[in-house]
C-alpha atoms as a PDB file:
ATOM      1  CA  MET A   1      11.150 -21.886   4.881  1.00  0.00           C
ATOM      2  CA  ASN A   2       7.880 -21.716   3.110  1.00  0.00           C
ATOM      3  CA  ILE A   3       7.422 -20.050   0.004  1.00  0.00           C
ATOM      4  CA  ILE A   4       4.707 -17.480  -0.333  1.00  0.00           C
ATOM      5  CA  LYS A   5       2.356 -18.261  -3.232  1.00  0.00           C
ATOM      6  CA  ILE A   6       0.475 -15.605  -5.040  1.00  0.00           C
ATOM      7  CA  PRO A   7      -3.491 -16.063  -5.118  1.00  0.00           C
ATOM      8  CA  THR A   8      -4.604 -17.090  -8.519  1.00  0.00           C
ATOM      9  CA  ILE A   9      -7.009 -14.184  -8.496  1.00  0.00           C
ATOM     10  CA  LEU A  10      -3.763 -11.855  -7.801  1.00  0.00           C
ATOM     11  CA  ALA A  11      -1.983 -13.435 -10.859  1.00  0.00           C
ATOM     12  CA  LEU A  12      -5.275 -13.232 -13.055  1.00  0.00           C
ATOM     13  CA  PHE A  13      -5.217  -9.485 -12.251  1.00  0.00           C
ATOM     14  CA  PHE A  14      -1.825  -8.753 -13.307  1.00  0.00           C
ATOM     15  CA  SER A  15      -1.429 -10.948 -16.275  1.00  0.00           C
ATOM     16  CA  VAL A  16      -2.931  -8.409 -18.408  1.00  0.00           C
ATOM     17  CA  ALA A  17       0.017  -7.691 -20.956  1.00  0.00           C
ATOM     18  CA  CYS A  18       1.368  -4.069 -21.790  1.00  0.00           C
ATOM     19  CA  ALA A  19       1.661  -3.000 -25.660  1.00  0.00           C
ATOM     20  CA  GLY A  20       4.763  -4.938 -26.866  1.00  0.00           C
ATOM     21  CA  SER A  21       7.437  -4.240 -29.640  1.00  0.00           C
ATOM     22  CA  ASP A  22       7.235  -5.354 -32.921  1.00  0.00           C
ATOM     23  CA  THR A  23      10.802  -5.461 -33.113  1.00  0.00           C
ATOM     24  CA  ALA A  24      11.622  -7.989 -30.244  1.00  0.00           C
ATOM     25  CA  PRO A  25      13.652 -11.095 -31.257  1.00  0.00           C
ATOM     26  CA  GLU A  26      11.522 -13.995 -31.198  1.00  0.00           C
ATOM     27  CA  ASN A  27      14.064 -15.785 -28.660  1.00  0.00           C
ATOM     28  CA  ALA A  28      14.530 -13.077 -25.794  1.00  0.00           C
ATOM     29  CA  THR A  29      16.731 -14.807 -23.692  1.00  0.00           C
ATOM     30  CA  GLN A  30      20.351 -15.364 -23.156  1.00  0.00           C
ATOM     31  CA  ASN A  31      21.506 -18.052 -20.675  1.00  0.00           C
ATOM     32  CA  VAL A  32      24.358 -17.304 -18.472  1.00  0.00           C
ATOM     33  CA  THR A  33      25.328 -20.137 -16.539  1.00  0.00           C
ATOM     34  CA  ALA A  34      26.413 -20.043 -12.639  1.00  0.00           C
ATOM     35  CA  ALA A  35      26.918 -22.349 -10.032  1.00  0.00           C
ATOM     36  CA  ASN A  36      24.434 -25.316 -11.116  1.00  0.00           C
ATOM     37  CA  ASP A  37      21.516 -22.737 -10.814  1.00  0.00           C
ATOM     38  CA  GLU A  38      20.391 -22.233 -14.621  1.00  0.00           C
ATOM     39  CA  VAL A  39      16.683 -20.967 -15.263  1.00  0.00           C
ATOM     40  CA  GLN A  40      15.084 -20.958 -18.332  1.00  0.00           C
ATOM     41  CA  ALA A  41      12.428 -18.073 -19.317  1.00  0.00           C
ATOM     42  CA  PRO A  42       9.193 -19.991 -20.828  1.00  0.00           C
ATOM     43  CA  ALA A  43       8.806 -20.233 -24.489  1.00  0.00           C
ATOM     44  CA  GLU A  44       5.573 -18.135 -24.725  1.00  0.00           C
ATOM     45  CA  GLN A  45       7.317 -15.370 -22.766  1.00  0.00           C
ATOM     46  CA  THR A  46       7.601 -12.528 -25.243  1.00  0.00           C
ATOM     47  CA  ALA A  47       7.902  -8.663 -25.261  1.00  0.00           C
ATOM     48  CA  GLU A  48       4.054  -8.347 -25.105  1.00  0.00           C
ATOM     49  CA  MET A  49       3.998  -8.563 -21.439  1.00  0.00           C
ATOM     50  CA  ASP A  50       5.297  -6.085 -18.670  1.00  0.00           C
ATOM     51  CA  ILE A  51       7.758  -7.079 -15.889  1.00  0.00           C
ATOM     52  CA  VAL A  52       5.274  -8.260 -13.480  1.00  0.00           C
ATOM     53  CA  ALA A  53       3.158 -10.611 -16.136  1.00  0.00           C
ATOM     54  CA  THR A  54       6.479 -11.701 -17.327  1.00  0.00           C
ATOM     55  CA  ALA A  55       7.684 -12.632 -13.738  1.00  0.00           C
ATOM     56  CA  ILE A  56       4.011 -14.352 -12.877  1.00  0.00           C
ATOM     57  CA  ASN A  57       4.283 -16.428 -16.155  1.00  0.00           C
ATOM     58  CA  ALA A  58       7.888 -17.417 -15.451  1.00  0.00           C
ATOM     59  CA  GLY A  59       6.537 -19.362 -12.477  1.00  0.00           C
ATOM     60  CA  GLN A  60      10.068 -19.128 -10.857  1.00  0.00           C
ATOM     61  CA  PHE A  61       9.103 -15.677  -9.110  1.00  0.00           C
ATOM     62  CA  ASN A  62       6.263 -16.432  -6.790  1.00  0.00           C
ATOM     63  CA  THR A  63       7.647 -14.452  -3.692  1.00  0.00           C
ATOM     64  CA  LEU A  64       9.304 -11.614  -5.497  1.00  0.00           C
ATOM     65  CA  VAL A  65       5.611 -10.901  -6.966  1.00  0.00           C
ATOM     66  CA  ALA A  66       3.999 -11.321  -3.236  1.00  0.00           C
ATOM     67  CA  ALA A  67       6.922  -8.988  -2.366  1.00  0.00           C
ATOM     68  CA  LEU A  68       5.935  -6.369  -4.771  1.00  0.00           C
ATOM     69  CA  GLU A  69       2.682  -6.429  -4.015  1.00  0.00           C
ATOM     70  CA  ALA A  70       3.371  -6.201  -0.057  1.00  0.00           C
ATOM     71  CA  ALA A  71       5.272  -3.393  -1.037  1.00  0.00           C
ATOM     72  CA  ASP A  72       3.074  -1.459  -2.931  1.00  0.00           C
ATOM     73  CA  LEU A  73       5.741  -1.977  -6.342  1.00  0.00           C
ATOM     74  CA  VAL A  74       3.437  -3.689  -8.459  1.00  0.00           C
ATOM     75  CA  GLY A  75       1.968  -0.333 -10.652  1.00  0.00           C
ATOM     76  CA  ALA A  76       5.418   1.004 -10.881  1.00  0.00           C
ATOM     77  CA  LEU A  77       6.963  -2.150 -12.482  1.00  0.00           C
ATOM     78  CA  GLN A  78       3.941  -2.314 -14.854  1.00  0.00           C
ATOM     79  CA  GLY A  79       4.487   1.192 -15.681  1.00  0.00           C
ATOM     80  CA  ALA A  80       6.103   2.738 -18.887  1.00  0.00           C
ATOM     81  CA  GLY A  81       9.983   1.903 -17.703  1.00  0.00           C
ATOM     82  CA  PRO A  82      12.371   0.881 -19.200  1.00  0.00           C
ATOM     83  CA  PHE A  83      13.616  -0.620 -16.103  1.00  0.00           C
ATOM     84  CA  THR A  84      16.482  -3.523 -15.639  1.00  0.00           C
ATOM     85  CA  VAL A  85      15.150  -5.895 -13.011  1.00  0.00           C
ATOM     86  CA  PHE A  86      17.673  -8.253 -11.472  1.00  0.00           C
ATOM     87  CA  ALA A  87      14.978 -10.683 -10.301  1.00  0.00           C
ATOM     88  CA  PRO A  88      16.057 -13.208  -7.612  1.00  0.00           C
ATOM     89  CA  THR A  89      14.364 -16.598  -8.038  1.00  0.00           C
ATOM     90  CA  ASP A  90      12.000 -18.417  -5.164  1.00  0.00           C
ATOM     91  CA  ALA A  91      15.081 -20.410  -4.510  1.00  0.00           C
ATOM     92  CA  ALA A  92      16.990 -17.418  -3.944  1.00  0.00           C
ATOM     93  CA  PHE A  93      14.148 -16.165  -1.661  1.00  0.00           C
ATOM     94  CA  ALA A  94      14.493 -19.686   0.149  1.00  0.00           C
ATOM     95  CA  LYS A  95      18.192 -19.153   1.143  1.00  0.00           C
ATOM     96  CA  LEU A  96      17.451 -16.156   3.301  1.00  0.00           C
ATOM     97  CA  PRO A  97      17.312 -17.273   7.235  1.00  0.00           C
ATOM     98  CA  GLU A  98      14.041 -18.548   8.391  1.00  0.00           C
ATOM     99  CA  GLY A  99      11.704 -15.847   8.684  1.00  0.00           C
ATOM    100  CA  THR A 100      13.251 -13.404   6.882  1.00  0.00           C
ATOM    101  CA  VAL A 101      10.714 -12.953   3.905  1.00  0.00           C
ATOM    102  CA  GLU A 102       7.793 -13.081   6.579  1.00  0.00           C
ATOM    103  CA  ALA A 103       9.197 -10.189   8.631  1.00  0.00           C
ATOM    104  CA  LEU A 104      10.177  -8.214   5.659  1.00  0.00           C
ATOM    105  CA  LEU A 105       6.259  -8.475   4.182  1.00  0.00           C
ATOM    106  CA  GLN A 106       5.465  -6.766   7.477  1.00  0.00           C
ATOM    107  CA  ASP A 107       7.828  -3.999   6.980  1.00  0.00           C
ATOM    108  CA  LYS A 108       6.658  -2.383   3.846  1.00  0.00           C
ATOM    109  CA  GLU A 109       9.809   0.574   3.943  1.00  0.00           C
ATOM    110  CA  LYS A 110      12.513  -1.840   4.179  1.00  0.00           C
ATOM    111  CA  LEU A 111      10.772  -4.179   1.742  1.00  0.00           C
ATOM    112  CA  ALA A 112      10.670  -1.372  -0.600  1.00  0.00           C
ATOM    113  CA  GLN A 113      14.365  -0.450  -0.073  1.00  0.00           C
ATOM    114  CA  ILE A 114      15.509  -3.967  -0.652  1.00  0.00           C
ATOM    115  CA  LEU A 115      13.113  -4.756  -3.996  1.00  0.00           C
ATOM    116  CA  THR A 116      14.336  -0.990  -5.541  1.00  0.00           C
ATOM    117  CA  TYR A 117      17.673  -2.194  -4.888  1.00  0.00           C
ATOM    118  CA  HIS A 118      17.204  -4.688  -7.655  1.00  0.00           C
ATOM    119  CA  VAL A 119      15.802  -2.431 -10.159  1.00  0.00           C
ATOM    120  CA  VAL A 120      17.897   0.076 -12.506  1.00  0.00           C
ATOM    121  CA  SER A 121      16.359   2.733 -14.613  1.00  0.00           C
ATOM    122  CA  GLY A 122      16.772   2.015 -18.308  1.00  0.00           C
ATOM    123  CA  GLN A 123      17.194  -1.278 -19.920  1.00  0.00           C
ATOM    124  CA  VAL A 124      20.570  -2.269 -19.633  1.00  0.00           C
ATOM    125  CA  MET A 125      21.280  -5.552 -21.595  1.00  0.00           C
ATOM    126  CA  ALA A 126      23.623  -8.532 -20.999  1.00  0.00           C
ATOM    127  CA  ALA A 127      26.197  -6.682 -23.876  1.00  0.00           C
ATOM    128  CA  ASP A 128      25.751  -3.576 -21.809  1.00  0.00           C
ATOM    129  CA  VAL A 129      26.130  -5.188 -18.356  1.00  0.00           C
ATOM    130  CA  VAL A 130      29.274  -6.809 -18.638  1.00  0.00           C
ATOM    131  CA  SER A 131      31.359  -3.559 -19.547  1.00  0.00           C
ATOM    132  CA  LEU A 132      29.960  -2.097 -16.373  1.00  0.00           C
ATOM    133  CA  ARG A 133      31.320  -1.918 -12.847  1.00  0.00           C
ATOM    134  CA  GLU A 134      28.401  -0.755 -11.174  1.00  0.00           C
ATOM    135  CA  ALA A 135      24.835   0.550 -11.658  1.00  0.00           C
ATOM    136  CA  THR A 136      22.784   3.139  -9.711  1.00  0.00           C
ATOM    137  CA  THR A 137      19.885   1.254  -8.376  1.00  0.00           C
ATOM    138  CA  LEU A 138      16.440   3.188  -8.018  1.00  0.00           C
ATOM    139  CA  GLN A 139      16.810   2.658  -3.983  1.00  0.00           C
ATOM    140  CA  GLY A 140      19.501   5.291  -4.261  1.00  0.00           C
ATOM    141  CA  GLN A 141      22.744   3.097  -4.198  1.00  0.00           C
ATOM    142  CA  SER A 142      25.068   1.596  -6.501  1.00  0.00           C
ATOM    143  CA  VAL A 143      25.426  -2.366  -6.997  1.00  0.00           C
ATOM    144  CA  ALA A 144      28.722  -3.650  -7.870  1.00  0.00           C
ATOM    145  CA  ILE A 145      28.877  -5.652 -11.158  1.00  0.00           C
ATOM    146  CA  ASP A 146      31.593  -8.133 -12.161  1.00  0.00           C
ATOM    147  CA  ALA A 147      32.203  -9.842 -15.325  1.00  0.00           C
ATOM    148  CA  THR A 148      35.318 -11.598 -15.076  1.00  0.00           C
ATOM    149  CA  SER A 149      34.479 -14.811 -14.214  1.00  0.00           C
ATOM    150  CA  GLY A 150      30.646 -14.700 -15.666  1.00  0.00           C
ATOM    151  CA  VAL A 151      28.478 -12.211 -14.393  1.00  0.00           C
ATOM    152  CA  THR A 152      27.899 -11.306 -10.761  1.00  0.00           C
ATOM    153  CA  VAL A 153      25.562  -8.170  -9.553  1.00  0.00           C
ATOM    154  CA  GLY A 154      25.988  -7.418  -5.985  1.00  0.00           C
ATOM    155  CA  GLY A 155      27.509 -10.727  -5.498  1.00  0.00           C
ATOM    156  CA  ALA A 156      24.579 -12.488  -6.605  1.00  0.00           C
ATOM    157  CA  ASN A 157      25.182 -14.767  -9.917  1.00  0.00           C
ATOM    158  CA  VAL A 158      23.255 -13.765 -13.091  1.00  0.00           C
ATOM    159  CA  VAL A 159      21.797 -17.119 -14.003  1.00  0.00           C
ATOM    160  CA  THR A 160      19.668 -16.205 -17.173  1.00  0.00           C
ATOM    161  CA  ALA A 161      19.980 -12.738 -18.800  1.00  0.00           C
ATOM    162  CA  ASP A 162      18.175 -10.718 -21.150  1.00  0.00           C
ATOM    163  CA  ILE A 163      14.331 -11.813 -20.521  1.00  0.00           C
ATOM    164  CA  ILE A 164      12.746  -8.822 -22.677  1.00  0.00           C
ATOM    165  CA  THR A 165       9.599  -7.354 -21.492  1.00  0.00           C
ATOM    166  CA  SER A 166       7.139  -4.492 -22.728  1.00  0.00           C
ATOM    167  CA  ASN A 167       8.887  -2.300 -20.277  1.00  0.00           C
ATOM    168  CA  GLY A 168      12.253  -3.400 -20.085  1.00  0.00           C
ATOM    169  CA  VAL A 169      14.737  -6.313 -19.196  1.00  0.00           C
ATOM    170  CA  ILE A 170      14.910  -8.909 -16.465  1.00  0.00           C
ATOM    171  CA  HIS A 171      18.273 -10.605 -15.405  1.00  0.00           C
ATOM    172  CA  VAL A 172      17.539 -13.694 -13.206  1.00  0.00           C
ATOM    173  CA  ILE A 173      19.705 -13.950 -10.420  1.00  0.00           C
ATOM    174  CA  ASP A 174      20.197 -16.408  -7.727  1.00  0.00           C
ATOM    175  CA  THR A 175      20.482 -14.639  -4.311  1.00  0.00           C
ATOM    176  CA  VAL A 176      18.500 -11.743  -2.687  1.00  0.00           C
ATOM    177  CA  LEU A 177      20.546  -8.375  -2.986  1.00  0.00           C
ATOM    178  CA  ILE A 178      20.489  -6.751   0.150  1.00  0.00           C
ATOM    179  CA  PRO A 179      21.729  -2.851   0.386  1.00  0.00           C
ATOM    180  CA  LYS A 180      24.199  -1.723   2.887  1.00  0.00           C
END
């Protein structure tokens, strides 16, 4: 399956950072290992960038960012927030059956439902996630959270937690969440 790449011009357009917090920790990532799929946040990533700019800068979320643009959700995730995003990597999208991503990019409504199922209102840090059993997504349905052996969200492993952004936090997951 081909991973969809964002054009350079789109990356430049969305890389303008929002104002950040002066109190953000220097190393804003906490690694959570799961199933041989560990993703590291880039060192230059700080709370100076919003969720979209952080995803672009990481280089591991090209398909996610392209999908956000196709669903007209980029502006929302550049908003004030705060938001918690369970962000599937390009490798997570590659695990979907062939043709799925391309079909979703043509179905804006279904794509938006799937993408908003990955977003929770508020900034939910890893320390908070482990004490939850579920979280209500912006899509409207709840997603199950299990912290008994590592952390899973909707069955997806959290491979990197607490990537702080200017408008929320990203937790990297290894599988695309599909609402019921």
